[in-house]
Amino acid sequence: MQNQPDPYGAPAPAVPAAPQAVAQQAAPAVAEKPTNSYGLKSLLAAGASLIVTAITAFAFQRVIIYFALLGVYGIYAGLRGIFTAFRVPKLQGLITSIIGLILSIAAIIFTVWLFTPE
């Protein structure tokens, strides 16, 4: 009994610090650049709305309203992108937001035109 080590009385061995924690302490925090992704979202929503409206109008003679009204989200994202562009440096995303807004309005007009009775 005398020769066996005492597991409860021995101090715990020191654990070395993780390399990631040491790197975070040494390097200063890098600020992220502000981005404006609303312009791209507006372009994607407007493009999807125009494509779906055109395909369903000419192929099936019926517009799937849920997909055609993606233009409403495109208008929201376009306006949001324009307002956000004035808050970020170099007016980032302003052109794409304006183009997306115009295409979204065109998609909504096209959708409404398809639903008007002849």
PDB file of N, CA and C in Angstrom:
ATOM      1  N   MET A   1       0.814  -1.186   0.000  1.00  0.00           N
ATOM      2  CA  MET A   1       0.000   0.000   0.000  1.00  0.00           C
ATOM      3  C   MET A   1       0.857   1.249   0.000  1.00  0.00           C
ATOM      4  N   GLN A   2       1.981   1.160   0.573  1.00  0.00           N
ATOM      5  CA  GLN A   2       2.850   2.299   0.703  1.00  0.00           C
ATOM      6  C   GLN A   2       3.430   2.726  -0.651  1.00  0.00           C
ATOM      7  N   ASN A   3       3.651   1.800  -1.552  1.00  0.00           N
ATOM      8  CA  ASN A   3       4.314   2.105  -2.817  1.00  0.00           C
ATOM      9  C   ASN A   3       3.351   2.603  -3.892  1.00  0.00           C
ATOM     10  N   GLN A   4       2.080   2.483  -3.707  1.00  0.00           N
ATOM     11  CA  GLN A   4       1.123   2.920  -4.719  1.00  0.00           C
ATOM     12  C   GLN A   4       0.882   4.426  -4.602  1.00  0.00           C
ATOM     13  N   PRO A   5       0.786   5.119  -5.797  1.00  0.00           N
ATOM     14  CA  PRO A   5       0.549   6.574  -5.729  1.00  0.00           C
ATOM     15  C   PRO A   5      -0.876   6.875  -5.267  1.00  0.00           C
ATOM     16  N   ASP A   6      -1.019   7.991  -4.614  1.00  0.00           N
ATOM     17  CA  ASP A   6      -2.322   8.422  -4.116  1.00  0.00           C
ATOM     18  C   ASP A   6      -3.003   9.279  -5.192  1.00  0.00           C
ATOM     19  N   PRO A   7      -4.050   8.747  -5.874  1.00  0.00           N
ATOM     20  CA  PRO A   7      -4.671   9.523  -6.957  1.00  0.00           C
ATOM     21  C   PRO A   7      -5.432  10.736  -6.452  1.00  0.00           C
ATOM     22  N   TYR A   8      -5.881  10.730  -5.222  1.00  0.00           N
ATOM     23  CA  TYR A   8      -6.678  11.854  -4.730  1.00  0.00           C
ATOM     24  C   TYR A   8      -5.832  12.957  -4.126  1.00  0.00           C
ATOM     25  N   GLY A   9      -4.645  12.658  -3.746  1.00  0.00           N
ATOM     26  CA  GLY A   9      -3.807  13.653  -3.089  1.00  0.00           C
ATOM     27  C   GLY A   9      -2.857  14.344  -4.051  1.00  0.00           C
ATOM     28  N   ALA A  10      -2.670  13.815  -5.243  1.00  0.00           N
ATOM     29  CA  ALA A  10      -1.718  14.402  -6.183  1.00  0.00           C
ATOM     30  C   ALA A  10      -2.345  15.604  -6.891  1.00  0.00           C
ATOM     31  N   PRO A  11      -1.579  16.666  -7.121  1.00  0.00           N
ATOM     32  CA  PRO A  11      -2.135  17.819  -7.834  1.00  0.00           C
ATOM     33  C   PRO A  11      -2.346  17.478  -9.314  1.00  0.00           C
ATOM     34  N   ALA A  12      -3.316  18.116  -9.901  1.00  0.00           N
ATOM     35  CA  ALA A  12      -3.629  17.866 -11.307  1.00  0.00           C
ATOM     36  C   ALA A  12      -2.524  18.450 -12.187  1.00  0.00           C
ATOM     37  N   PRO A  13      -2.183  17.746 -13.258  1.00  0.00           N
ATOM     38  CA  PRO A  13      -1.140  18.291 -14.141  1.00  0.00           C
ATOM     39  C   PRO A  13      -1.660  19.537 -14.882  1.00  0.00           C
ATOM     40  N   ALA A  14      -0.763  20.441 -15.167  1.00  0.00           N
ATOM     41  CA  ALA A  14      -1.141  21.684 -15.846  1.00  0.00           C
ATOM     42  C   ALA A  14      -1.524  21.387 -17.289  1.00  0.00           C
ATOM     43  N   VAL A  15      -2.646  21.986 -17.737  1.00  0.00           N
ATOM     44  CA  VAL A  15      -3.111  21.800 -19.107  1.00  0.00           C
ATOM     45  C   VAL A  15      -2.616  22.990 -19.930  1.00  0.00           C
ATOM     46  N   PRO A  16      -1.905  22.730 -21.033  1.00  0.00           N
ATOM     47  CA  PRO A  16      -1.430  23.870 -21.832  1.00  0.00           C
ATOM     48  C   PRO A  16      -2.606  24.588 -22.510  1.00  0.00           C
ATOM     49  N   ALA A  17      -2.459  25.880 -22.718  1.00  0.00           N
ATOM     50  CA  ALA A  17      -3.517  26.675 -23.344  1.00  0.00           C
ATOM     51  C   ALA A  17      -3.682  26.262 -24.799  1.00  0.00           C
ATOM     52  N   ALA A  18      -4.915  26.341 -25.269  1.00  0.00           N
ATOM     53  CA  ALA A  18      -5.196  25.987 -26.660  1.00  0.00           C
ATOM     54  C   ALA A  18      -4.523  26.998 -27.587  1.00  0.00           C
ATOM     55  N   PRO A  19      -3.996  26.554 -28.717  1.00  0.00           N
ATOM     56  CA  PRO A  19      -3.328  27.502 -29.618  1.00  0.00           C
ATOM     57  C   PRO A  19      -4.266  28.567 -30.164  1.00  0.00           C
ATOM     58  N   GLN A  20      -5.545  28.239 -30.321  1.00  0.00           N
ATOM     59  CA  GLN A  20      -6.506  29.201 -30.842  1.00  0.00           C
ATOM     60  C   GLN A  20      -6.727  30.338 -29.841  1.00  0.00           C
ATOM     61  N   ALA A  21      -6.771  30.006 -28.561  1.00  0.00           N
ATOM     62  CA  ALA A  21      -6.971  31.034 -27.545  1.00  0.00           C
ATOM     63  C   ALA A  21      -5.763  31.950 -27.467  1.00  0.00           C
ATOM     64  N   VAL A  22      -4.568  31.398 -27.628  1.00  0.00           N
ATOM     65  CA  VAL A  22      -3.359  32.209 -27.595  1.00  0.00           C
ATOM     66  C   VAL A  22      -3.325  33.144 -28.803  1.00  0.00           C
ATOM     67  N   ALA A  23      -3.746  32.635 -29.974  1.00  0.00           N
ATOM     68  CA  ALA A  23      -3.733  33.456 -31.184  1.00  0.00           C
ATOM     69  C   ALA A  23      -4.739  34.599 -31.073  1.00  0.00           C
ATOM     70  N   GLN A  24      -5.864  34.362 -30.431  1.00  0.00           N
ATOM     71  CA  GLN A  24      -6.865  35.412 -30.290  1.00  0.00           C
ATOM     72  C   GLN A  24      -6.384  36.502 -29.339  1.00  0.00           C
ATOM     73  N   GLN A  25      -5.616  36.130 -28.350  1.00  0.00           N
ATOM     74  CA  GLN A  25      -5.113  37.115 -27.411  1.00  0.00           C
ATOM     75  C   GLN A  25      -4.020  37.964 -28.047  1.00  0.00           C
ATOM     76  N   ALA A  26      -3.210  37.374 -28.913  1.00  0.00           N
ATOM     77  CA  ALA A  26      -2.090  38.085 -29.490  1.00  0.00           C
ATOM     78  C   ALA A  26      -2.519  39.021 -30.615  1.00  0.00           C
ATOM     79  N   ALA A  27      -3.444  38.590 -31.457  1.00  0.00           N
ATOM     80  CA  ALA A  27      -3.844  39.388 -32.610  1.00  0.00           C
ATOM     81  C   ALA A  27      -5.017  40.302 -32.241  1.00  0.00           C
ATOM     82  N   PRO A  28      -4.986  41.557 -32.702  1.00  0.00           N
ATOM     83  CA  PRO A  28      -6.136  42.434 -32.427  1.00  0.00           C
ATOM     84  C   PRO A  28      -7.331  42.011 -33.270  1.00  0.00           C
ATOM     85  N   ALA A  29      -8.510  42.356 -32.798  1.00  0.00           N
ATOM     86  CA  ALA A  29      -9.747  42.004 -33.510  1.00  0.00           C
ATOM     87  C   ALA A  29      -9.825  42.796 -34.808  1.00  0.00           C
ATOM     88  N   VAL A  30     -10.165  42.103 -35.894  1.00  0.00           N
ATOM     89  CA  VAL A  30     -10.294  42.747 -37.199  1.00  0.00           C
ATOM     90  C   VAL A  30     -11.759  43.076 -37.425  1.00  0.00           C
ATOM     91  N   ALA A  31     -12.043  44.322 -37.731  1.00  0.00           N
ATOM     92  CA  ALA A  31     -13.425  44.740 -37.968  1.00  0.00           C
ATOM     93  C   ALA A  31     -13.874  44.246 -39.338  1.00  0.00           C
ATOM     94  N   GLU A  32     -15.091  43.750 -39.396  1.00  0.00           N
ATOM     95  CA  GLU A  32     -15.642  43.278 -40.658  1.00  0.00           C
ATOM     96  C   GLU A  32     -16.098  44.464 -41.495  1.00  0.00           C
ATOM     97  N   LYS A  33     -15.915  44.343 -42.810  1.00  0.00           N
ATOM     98  CA  LYS A  33     -16.360  45.401 -43.706  1.00  0.00           C
ATOM     99  C   LYS A  33     -17.875  45.329 -43.842  1.00  0.00           C
ATOM    100  N   PRO A  34     -18.552  46.454 -43.810  1.00  0.00           N
ATOM    101  CA  PRO A  34     -20.007  46.420 -43.997  1.00  0.00           C
ATOM    102  C   PRO A  34     -20.346  46.032 -45.427  1.00  0.00           C
ATOM    103  N   THR A  35     -21.339  45.191 -45.568  1.00  0.00           N
ATOM    104  CA  THR A  35     -21.763  44.759 -46.894  1.00  0.00           C
ATOM    105  C   THR A  35     -23.240  45.062 -47.086  1.00  0.00           C
ATOM    106  N   ASN A  36     -23.630  45.144 -48.332  1.00  0.00           N
ATOM    107  CA  ASN A  36     -25.022  45.399 -48.685  1.00  0.00           C
ATOM    108  C   ASN A  36     -25.462  44.286 -49.627  1.00  0.00           C
ATOM    109  N   SER A  37     -26.108  43.277 -49.090  1.00  0.00           N
ATOM    110  CA  SER A  37     -26.513  42.136 -49.903  1.00  0.00           C
ATOM    111  C   SER A  37     -27.954  42.255 -50.395  1.00  0.00           C
ATOM    112  N   TYR A  38     -28.622  43.350 -50.068  1.00  0.00           N
ATOM    113  CA  TYR A  38     -30.013  43.494 -50.489  1.00  0.00           C
ATOM    114  C   TYR A  38     -30.149  43.676 -51.996  1.00  0.00           C
ATOM    115  N   GLY A  39     -29.167  44.278 -52.630  1.00  0.00           N
ATOM    116  CA  GLY A  39     -29.220  44.446 -54.074  1.00  0.00           C
ATOM    117  C   GLY A  39     -29.225  43.113 -54.797  1.00  0.00           C
ATOM    118  N   LEU A  40     -28.374  42.193 -54.357  1.00  0.00           N
ATOM    119  CA  LEU A  40     -28.345  40.865 -54.966  1.00  0.00           C
ATOM    120  C   LEU A  40     -29.635  40.108 -54.696  1.00  0.00           C
ATOM    121  N   LYS A  41     -30.168  40.234 -53.488  1.00  0.00           N
ATOM    122  CA  LYS A  41     -31.433  39.576 -53.171  1.00  0.00           C
ATOM    123  C   LYS A  41     -32.564  40.121 -54.039  1.00  0.00           C
ATOM    124  N   SER A  42     -32.541  41.429 -54.275  1.00  0.00           N
ATOM    125  CA  SER A  42     -33.560  42.042 -55.111  1.00  0.00           C
ATOM    126  C   SER A  42     -33.460  41.549 -56.549  1.00  0.00           C
ATOM    127  N   LEU A  43     -32.229  41.468 -57.069  1.00  0.00           N
ATOM    128  CA  LEU A  43     -32.037  40.960 -58.426  1.00  0.00           C
ATOM    129  C   LEU A  43     -32.491  39.514 -58.558  1.00  0.00           C
ATOM    130  N   LEU A  44     -32.152  38.689 -57.582  1.00  0.00           N
ATOM    131  CA  LEU A  44     -32.540  37.277 -57.634  1.00  0.00           C
ATOM    132  C   LEU A  44     -34.056  37.106 -57.558  1.00  0.00           C
ATOM    133  N   ALA A  45     -34.695  37.846 -56.668  1.00  0.00           N
ATOM    134  CA  ALA A  45     -36.149  37.742 -56.539  1.00  0.00           C
ATOM    135  C   ALA A  45     -36.846  38.249 -57.800  1.00  0.00           C
ATOM    136  N   ALA A  46     -36.361  39.343 -58.359  1.00  0.00           N
ATOM    137  CA  ALA A  46     -36.974  39.881 -59.578  1.00  0.00           C
ATOM    138  C   ALA A  46     -36.769  38.935 -60.747  1.00  0.00           C
ATOM    139  N   GLY A  47     -35.563  38.401 -60.880  1.00  0.00           N
ATOM    140  CA  GLY A  47     -35.296  37.459 -61.963  1.00  0.00           C
ATOM    141  C   GLY A  47     -36.127  36.202 -61.852  1.00  0.00           C
ATOM    142  N   ALA A  48     -36.229  35.669 -60.649  1.00  0.00           N
ATOM    143  CA  ALA A  48     -37.036  34.465 -60.448  1.00  0.00           C
ATOM    144  C   ALA A  48     -38.506  34.747 -60.746  1.00  0.00           C
ATOM    145  N   SER A  49     -38.994  35.889 -60.322  1.00  0.00           N
ATOM    146  CA  SER A  49     -40.383  36.240 -60.575  1.00  0.00           C
ATOM    147  C   SER A  49     -40.659  36.402 -62.064  1.00  0.00           C
ATOM    148  N   LEU A  50     -39.763  37.078 -62.762  1.00  0.00           N
ATOM    149  CA  LEU A  50     -39.948  37.266 -64.209  1.00  0.00           C
ATOM    150  C   LEU A  50     -39.885  35.939 -64.958  1.00  0.00           C
ATOM    151  N   ILE A  51     -38.938  35.104 -64.601  1.00  0.00           N
ATOM    152  CA  ILE A  51     -38.780  33.819 -65.289  1.00  0.00           C
ATOM    153  C   ILE A  51     -39.986  32.924 -65.058  1.00  0.00           C
ATOM    154  N   VAL A  52     -40.404  32.798 -63.802  1.00  0.00           N
ATOM    155  CA  VAL A  52     -41.547  31.933 -63.497  1.00  0.00           C
ATOM    156  C   VAL A  52     -42.819  32.470 -64.141  1.00  0.00           C
ATOM    157  N   THR A  53     -43.011  33.776 -64.112  1.00  0.00           N
ATOM    158  CA  THR A  53     -44.198  34.359 -64.730  1.00  0.00           C
ATOM    159  C   THR A  53     -44.198  34.131 -66.239  1.00  0.00           C
ATOM    160  N   ALA A  54     -43.058  34.336 -66.873  1.00  0.00           N
ATOM    161  CA  ALA A  54     -42.975  34.151 -68.324  1.00  0.00           C
ATOM    162  C   ALA A  54     -43.182  32.695 -68.721  1.00  0.00           C
ATOM    163  N   ILE A  55     -42.584  31.774 -67.997  1.00  0.00           N
ATOM    164  CA  ILE A  55     -42.721  30.351 -68.335  1.00  0.00           C
ATOM    165  C   ILE A  55     -44.163  29.892 -68.159  1.00  0.00           C
ATOM    166  N   THR A  56     -44.745  30.247 -67.035  1.00  0.00           N
ATOM    167  CA  THR A  56     -46.111  29.782 -66.790  1.00  0.00           C
ATOM    168  C   THR A  56     -47.123  30.493 -67.678  1.00  0.00           C
ATOM    169  N   ALA A  57     -46.836  31.726 -68.062  1.00  0.00           N
ATOM    170  CA  ALA A  57     -47.785  32.453 -68.911  1.00  0.00           C
ATOM    171  C   ALA A  57     -47.809  31.889 -70.318  1.00  0.00           C
ATOM    172  N   PHE A  58     -46.654  31.556 -70.849  1.00  0.00           N
ATOM    173  CA  PHE A  58     -46.602  31.113 -72.234  1.00  0.00           C
ATOM    174  C   PHE A  58     -46.692  29.594 -72.379  1.00  0.00           C
ATOM    175  N   ALA A  59     -46.350  28.866 -71.362  1.00  0.00           N
ATOM    176  CA  ALA A  59     -46.386  27.410 -71.471  1.00  0.00           C
ATOM    177  C   ALA A  59     -47.693  26.831 -70.943  1.00  0.00           C
ATOM    178  N   PHE A  60     -48.169  27.348 -69.823  1.00  0.00           N
ATOM    179  CA  PHE A  60     -49.331  26.740 -69.179  1.00  0.00           C
ATOM    180  C   PHE A  60     -50.568  27.620 -69.198  1.00  0.00           C
ATOM    181  N   GLN A  61     -50.453  28.833 -69.666  1.00  0.00           N
ATOM    182  CA  GLN A  61     -51.554  29.788 -69.673  1.00  0.00           C
ATOM    183  C   GLN A  61     -52.115  30.032 -68.269  1.00  0.00           C
ATOM    184  N   ARG A  62     -51.288  29.852 -67.280  1.00  0.00           N
ATOM    185  CA  ARG A  62     -51.717  30.092 -65.903  1.00  0.00           C
ATOM    186  C   ARG A  62     -50.477  30.488 -65.097  1.00  0.00           C
ATOM    187  N   VAL A  63     -50.596  31.504 -64.315  1.00  0.00           N
ATOM    188  CA  VAL A  63     -49.459  31.980 -63.532  1.00  0.00           C
ATOM    189  C   VAL A  63     -49.574  31.430 -62.119  1.00  0.00           C
ATOM    190  N   ILE A  64     -48.512  30.868 -61.641  1.00  0.00           N
ATOM    191  CA  ILE A  64     -48.484  30.436 -60.243  1.00  0.00           C
ATOM    192  C   ILE A  64     -48.217  31.688 -59.418  1.00  0.00           C
ATOM    193  N   ILE A  65     -49.243  32.137 -58.742  1.00  0.00           N
ATOM    194  CA  ILE A  65     -49.218  33.449 -58.094  1.00  0.00           C
ATOM    195  C   ILE A  65     -48.144  33.533 -57.004  1.00  0.00           C
ATOM    196  N   TYR A  66     -47.881  32.458 -56.298  1.00  0.00           N
ATOM    197  CA  TYR A  66     -46.913  32.508 -55.207  1.00  0.00           C
ATOM    198  C   TYR A  66     -45.506  32.768 -55.719  1.00  0.00           C
ATOM    199  N   PHE A  67     -45.166  32.180 -56.847  1.00  0.00           N
ATOM    200  CA  PHE A  67     -43.843  32.405 -57.411  1.00  0.00           C
ATOM    201  C   PHE A  67     -43.784  33.714 -58.186  1.00  0.00           C
ATOM    202  N   ALA A  68     -44.876  34.089 -58.797  1.00  0.00           N
ATOM    203  CA  ALA A  68     -44.890  35.331 -59.558  1.00  0.00           C
ATOM    204  C   ALA A  68     -44.779  36.542 -58.638  1.00  0.00           C
ATOM    205  N   LEU A  69     -45.278  36.415 -57.436  1.00  0.00           N
ATOM    206  CA  LEU A  69     -45.242  37.544 -56.514  1.00  0.00           C
ATOM    207  C   LEU A  69     -43.941  37.617 -55.721  1.00  0.00           C
ATOM    208  N   LEU A  70     -42.927  36.907 -56.178  1.00  0.00           N
ATOM    209  CA  LEU A  70     -41.601  37.126 -55.604  1.00  0.00           C
ATOM    210  C   LEU A  70     -41.145  38.552 -55.883  1.00  0.00           C
ATOM    211  N   GLY A  71     -41.753  39.166 -56.882  1.00  0.00           N
ATOM    212  CA  GLY A  71     -41.440  40.555 -57.196  1.00  0.00           C
ATOM    213  C   GLY A  71     -41.754  41.493 -56.038  1.00  0.00           C
ATOM    214  N   VAL A  72     -42.726  41.145 -55.216  1.00  0.00           N
ATOM    215  CA  VAL A  72     -43.036  41.971 -54.047  1.00  0.00           C
ATOM    216  C   VAL A  72     -41.848  41.972 -53.084  1.00  0.00           C
ATOM    217  N   TYR A  73     -41.270  40.798 -52.873  1.00  0.00           N
ATOM    218  CA  TYR A  73     -40.068  40.749 -52.040  1.00  0.00           C
ATOM    219  C   TYR A  73     -38.918  41.472 -52.739  1.00  0.00           C
ATOM    220  N   GLY A  74     -38.861  41.393 -54.054  1.00  0.00           N
ATOM    221  CA  GLY A  74     -37.820  42.099 -54.795  1.00  0.00           C
ATOM    222  C   GLY A  74     -37.921  43.601 -54.622  1.00  0.00           C
ATOM    223  N   ILE A  75     -39.142  44.115 -54.590  1.00  0.00           N
ATOM    224  CA  ILE A  75     -39.333  45.553 -54.356  1.00  0.00           C
ATOM    225  C   ILE A  75     -38.877  45.921 -52.951  1.00  0.00           C
ATOM    226  N   TYR A  76     -39.239  45.103 -51.979  1.00  0.00           N
ATOM    227  CA  TYR A  76     -38.802  45.353 -50.597  1.00  0.00           C
ATOM    228  C   TYR A  76     -37.281  45.339 -50.507  1.00  0.00           C
ATOM    229  N   ALA A  77     -36.658  44.312 -51.078  1.00  0.00           N
ATOM    230  CA  ALA A  77     -35.204  44.199 -50.998  1.00  0.00           C
ATOM    231  C   ALA A  77     -34.521  45.322 -51.770  1.00  0.00           C
ATOM    232  N   GLY A  78     -35.102  45.741 -52.885  1.00  0.00           N
ATOM    233  CA  GLY A  78     -34.531  46.845 -53.645  1.00  0.00           C
ATOM    234  C   GLY A  78     -34.560  48.153 -52.871  1.00  0.00           C
ATOM    235  N   LEU A  79     -35.697  48.450 -52.264  1.00  0.00           N
ATOM    236  CA  LEU A  79     -35.791  49.672 -51.457  1.00  0.00           C
ATOM    237  C   LEU A  79     -34.864  49.612 -50.249  1.00  0.00           C
ATOM    238  N   ARG A  80     -34.830  48.468 -49.606  1.00  0.00           N
ATOM    239  CA  ARG A  80     -33.951  48.303 -48.446  1.00  0.00           C
ATOM    240  C   ARG A  80     -32.490  48.438 -48.855  1.00  0.00           C
ATOM    241  N   GLY A  81     -32.154  47.901 -50.033  1.00  0.00           N
ATOM    242  CA  GLY A  81     -30.789  48.012 -50.532  1.00  0.00           C
ATOM    243  C   GLY A  81     -30.403  49.442 -50.856  1.00  0.00           C
ATOM    244  N   ILE A  82     -31.343  50.214 -51.398  1.00  0.00           N
ATOM    245  CA  ILE A  82     -31.057  51.622 -51.701  1.00  0.00           C
ATOM    246  C   ILE A  82     -30.805  52.397 -50.411  1.00  0.00           C
ATOM    247  N   PHE A  83     -31.636  52.182 -49.407  1.00  0.00           N
ATOM    248  CA  PHE A  83     -31.444  52.885 -48.141  1.00  0.00           C
ATOM    249  C   PHE A  83     -30.170  52.444 -47.439  1.00  0.00           C
ATOM    250  N   THR A  84     -29.844  51.165 -47.543  1.00  0.00           N
ATOM    251  CA  THR A  84     -28.624  50.657 -46.910  1.00  0.00           C
ATOM    252  C   THR A  84     -27.384  51.148 -47.645  1.00  0.00           C
ATOM    253  N   ALA A  85     -27.477  51.350 -48.950  1.00  0.00           N
ATOM    254  CA  ALA A  85     -26.324  51.787 -49.738  1.00  0.00           C
ATOM    255  C   ALA A  85     -25.832  53.160 -49.289  1.00  0.00           C
ATOM    256  N   PHE A  86     -26.718  53.988 -48.799  1.00  0.00           N
ATOM    257  CA  PHE A  86     -26.298  55.311 -48.348  1.00  0.00           C
ATOM    258  C   PHE A  86     -25.606  55.264 -46.984  1.00  0.00           C
ATOM    259  N   ARG A  87     -25.645  54.124 -46.319  1.00  0.00           N
ATOM    260  CA  ARG A  87     -25.006  53.989 -45.007  1.00  0.00           C
ATOM    261  C   ARG A  87     -23.663  53.270 -45.067  1.00  0.00           C
ATOM    262  N   VAL A  88     -23.341  52.641 -46.181  1.00  0.00           N
ATOM    263  CA  VAL A  88     -22.069  51.926 -46.305  1.00  0.00           C
ATOM    264  C   VAL A  88     -21.131  52.746 -47.186  1.00  0.00           C
ATOM    265  N   PRO A  89     -19.829  52.512 -47.033  1.00  0.00           N
ATOM    266  CA  PRO A  89     -18.898  53.295 -47.853  1.00  0.00           C
ATOM    267  C   PRO A  89     -19.012  52.953 -49.334  1.00  0.00           C
ATOM    268  N   LYS A  90     -18.748  53.940 -50.157  1.00  0.00           N
ATOM    269  CA  LYS A  90     -18.733  53.823 -51.618  1.00  0.00           C
ATOM    270  C   LYS A  90     -20.092  53.435 -52.204  1.00  0.00           C
ATOM    271  N   LEU A  91     -21.165  53.673 -51.502  1.00  0.00           N
ATOM    272  CA  LEU A  91     -22.522  53.359 -51.981  1.00  0.00           C
ATOM    273  C   LEU A  91     -22.618  51.932 -52.529  1.00  0.00           C
ATOM    274  N   GLN A  92     -22.070  51.021 -51.772  1.00  0.00           N
ATOM    275  CA  GLN A  92     -22.013  49.621 -52.193  1.00  0.00           C
ATOM    276  C   GLN A  92     -23.416  49.047 -52.356  1.00  0.00           C
ATOM    277  N   GLY A  93     -23.693  48.462 -53.517  1.00  0.00           N
ATOM    278  CA  GLY A  93     -24.959  47.802 -53.781  1.00  0.00           C
ATOM    279  C   GLY A  93     -26.052  48.709 -54.292  1.00  0.00           C
ATOM    280  N   LEU A  94     -25.748  49.968 -54.556  1.00  0.00           N
ATOM    281  CA  LEU A  94     -26.778  50.904 -55.006  1.00  0.00           C
ATOM    282  C   LEU A  94     -27.274  50.555 -56.410  1.00  0.00           C
ATOM    283  N   ILE A  95     -26.361  50.278 -57.312  1.00  0.00           N
ATOM    284  CA  ILE A  95     -26.744  49.990 -58.699  1.00  0.00           C
ATOM    285  C   ILE A  95     -27.557  48.700 -58.778  1.00  0.00           C
ATOM    286  N   THR A  96     -27.099  47.651 -58.086  1.00  0.00           N
ATOM    287  CA  THR A  96     -27.838  46.388 -58.129  1.00  0.00           C
ATOM    288  C   THR A  96     -29.205  46.523 -57.476  1.00  0.00           C
ATOM    289  N   SER A  97     -29.305  47.345 -56.452  1.00  0.00           N
ATOM    290  CA  SER A  97     -30.605  47.567 -55.802  1.00  0.00           C
ATOM    291  C   SER A  97     -31.572  48.287 -56.736  1.00  0.00           C
ATOM    292  N   ILE A  98     -31.073  49.276 -57.466  1.00  0.00           N
ATOM    293  CA  ILE A  98     -31.936  50.014 -58.396  1.00  0.00           C
ATOM    294  C   ILE A  98     -32.387  49.111 -59.536  1.00  0.00           C
ATOM    295  N   ILE A  99     -31.445  48.336 -60.091  1.00  0.00           N
ATOM    296  CA  ILE A  99     -31.809  47.418 -61.178  1.00  0.00           C
ATOM    297  C   ILE A  99     -32.799  46.369 -60.680  1.00  0.00           C
ATOM    298  N   GLY A 100     -32.567  45.818 -59.501  1.00  0.00           N
ATOM    299  CA  GLY A 100     -33.490  44.847 -58.930  1.00  0.00           C
ATOM    300  C   GLY A 100     -34.857  45.432 -58.666  1.00  0.00           C
ATOM    301  N   LEU A 101     -34.895  46.679 -58.229  1.00  0.00           N
ATOM    302  CA  LEU A 101     -36.174  47.353 -57.983  1.00  0.00           C
ATOM    303  C   LEU A 101     -36.944  47.539 -59.287  1.00  0.00           C
ATOM    304  N   ILE A 102     -36.263  47.965 -60.326  1.00  0.00           N
ATOM    305  CA  ILE A 102     -36.925  48.163 -61.629  1.00  0.00           C
ATOM    306  C   ILE A 102     -37.439  46.837 -62.184  1.00  0.00           C
ATOM    307  N   LEU A 103     -36.618  45.796 -62.105  1.00  0.00           N
ATOM    308  CA  LEU A 103     -37.049  44.482 -62.593  1.00  0.00           C
ATOM    309  C   LEU A 103     -38.200  43.921 -61.763  1.00  0.00           C
ATOM    310  N   SER A 104     -38.185  44.176 -60.471  1.00  0.00           N
ATOM    311  CA  SER A 104     -39.270  43.701 -59.605  1.00  0.00           C
ATOM    312  C   SER A 104     -40.582  44.403 -59.935  1.00  0.00           C
ATOM    313  N   ILE A 105     -40.503  45.693 -60.191  1.00  0.00           N
ATOM    314  CA  ILE A 105     -41.712  46.424 -60.586  1.00  0.00           C
ATOM    315  C   ILE A 105     -42.221  45.894 -61.924  1.00  0.00           C
ATOM    316  N   ALA A 106     -41.307  45.610 -62.848  1.00  0.00           N
ATOM    317  CA  ALA A 106     -41.705  45.038 -64.137  1.00  0.00           C
ATOM    318  C   ALA A 106     -42.346  43.665 -63.950  1.00  0.00           C
ATOM    319  N   ALA A 107     -41.823  42.870 -63.043  1.00  0.00           N
ATOM    320  CA  ALA A 107     -42.397  41.550 -62.775  1.00  0.00           C
ATOM    321  C   ALA A 107     -43.803  41.660 -62.201  1.00  0.00           C
ATOM    322  N   ILE A 108     -44.017  42.608 -61.313  1.00  0.00           N
ATOM    323  CA  ILE A 108     -45.355  42.806 -60.741  1.00  0.00           C
ATOM    324  C   ILE A 108     -46.331  43.286 -61.820  1.00  0.00           C
ATOM    325  N   ILE A 109     -45.896  44.216 -62.652  1.00  0.00           N
ATOM    326  CA  ILE A 109     -46.765  44.703 -63.732  1.00  0.00           C
ATOM    327  C   ILE A 109     -47.106  43.566 -64.690  1.00  0.00           C
ATOM    328  N   PHE A 110     -46.124  42.734 -65.014  1.00  0.00           N
ATOM    329  CA  PHE A 110     -46.353  41.599 -65.906  1.00  0.00           C
ATOM    330  C   PHE A 110     -47.334  40.608 -65.288  1.00  0.00           C
ATOM    331  N   THR A 111     -47.198  40.356 -64.004  1.00  0.00           N
ATOM    332  CA  THR A 111     -48.106  39.442 -63.315  1.00  0.00           C
ATOM    333  C   THR A 111     -49.530  39.992 -63.281  1.00  0.00           C
ATOM    334  N   VAL A 112     -49.674  41.263 -62.978  1.00  0.00           N
ATOM    335  CA  VAL A 112     -51.001  41.883 -62.946  1.00  0.00           C
ATOM    336  C   VAL A 112     -51.615  41.910 -64.337  1.00  0.00           C
ATOM    337  N   TRP A 113     -50.807  42.172 -65.347  1.00  0.00           N
ATOM    338  CA  TRP A 113     -51.309  42.179 -66.729  1.00  0.00           C
ATOM    339  C   TRP A 113     -51.846  40.800 -67.131  1.00  0.00           C
ATOM    340  N   LEU A 114     -51.201  39.741 -66.665  1.00  0.00           N
ATOM    341  CA  LEU A 114     -51.661  38.387 -66.992  1.00  0.00           C
ATOM    342  C   LEU A 114     -52.977  38.057 -66.303  1.00  0.00           C
ATOM    343  N   PHE A 115     -53.238  38.679 -65.163  1.00  0.00           N
ATOM    344  CA  PHE A 115     -54.467  38.378 -64.436  1.00  0.00           C
ATOM    345  C   PHE A 115     -55.634  39.267 -64.821  1.00  0.00           C
ATOM    346  N   THR A 116     -55.399  40.279 -65.612  1.00  0.00           N
ATOM    347  CA  THR A 116     -56.515  41.132 -66.010  1.00  0.00           C
ATOM    348  C   THR A 116     -57.384  40.387 -67.043  1.00  0.00           C
ATOM    349  N   PRO A 117     -58.683  40.476 -66.898  1.00  0.00           N
ATOM    350  CA  PRO A 117     -59.547  39.792 -67.860  1.00  0.00           C
ATOM    351  C   PRO A 117     -59.478  40.455 -69.242  1.00  0.00           C
ATOM    352  N   GLU A 118     -59.657  39.657 -70.238  1.00  0.00           N
ATOM    353  CA  GLU A 118     -59.560  40.168 -71.613  1.00  0.00           C
ATOM    354  C   GLU A 118     -60.871  40.722 -72.097  1.00  0.00           C
TER     355      GLU A 118
END
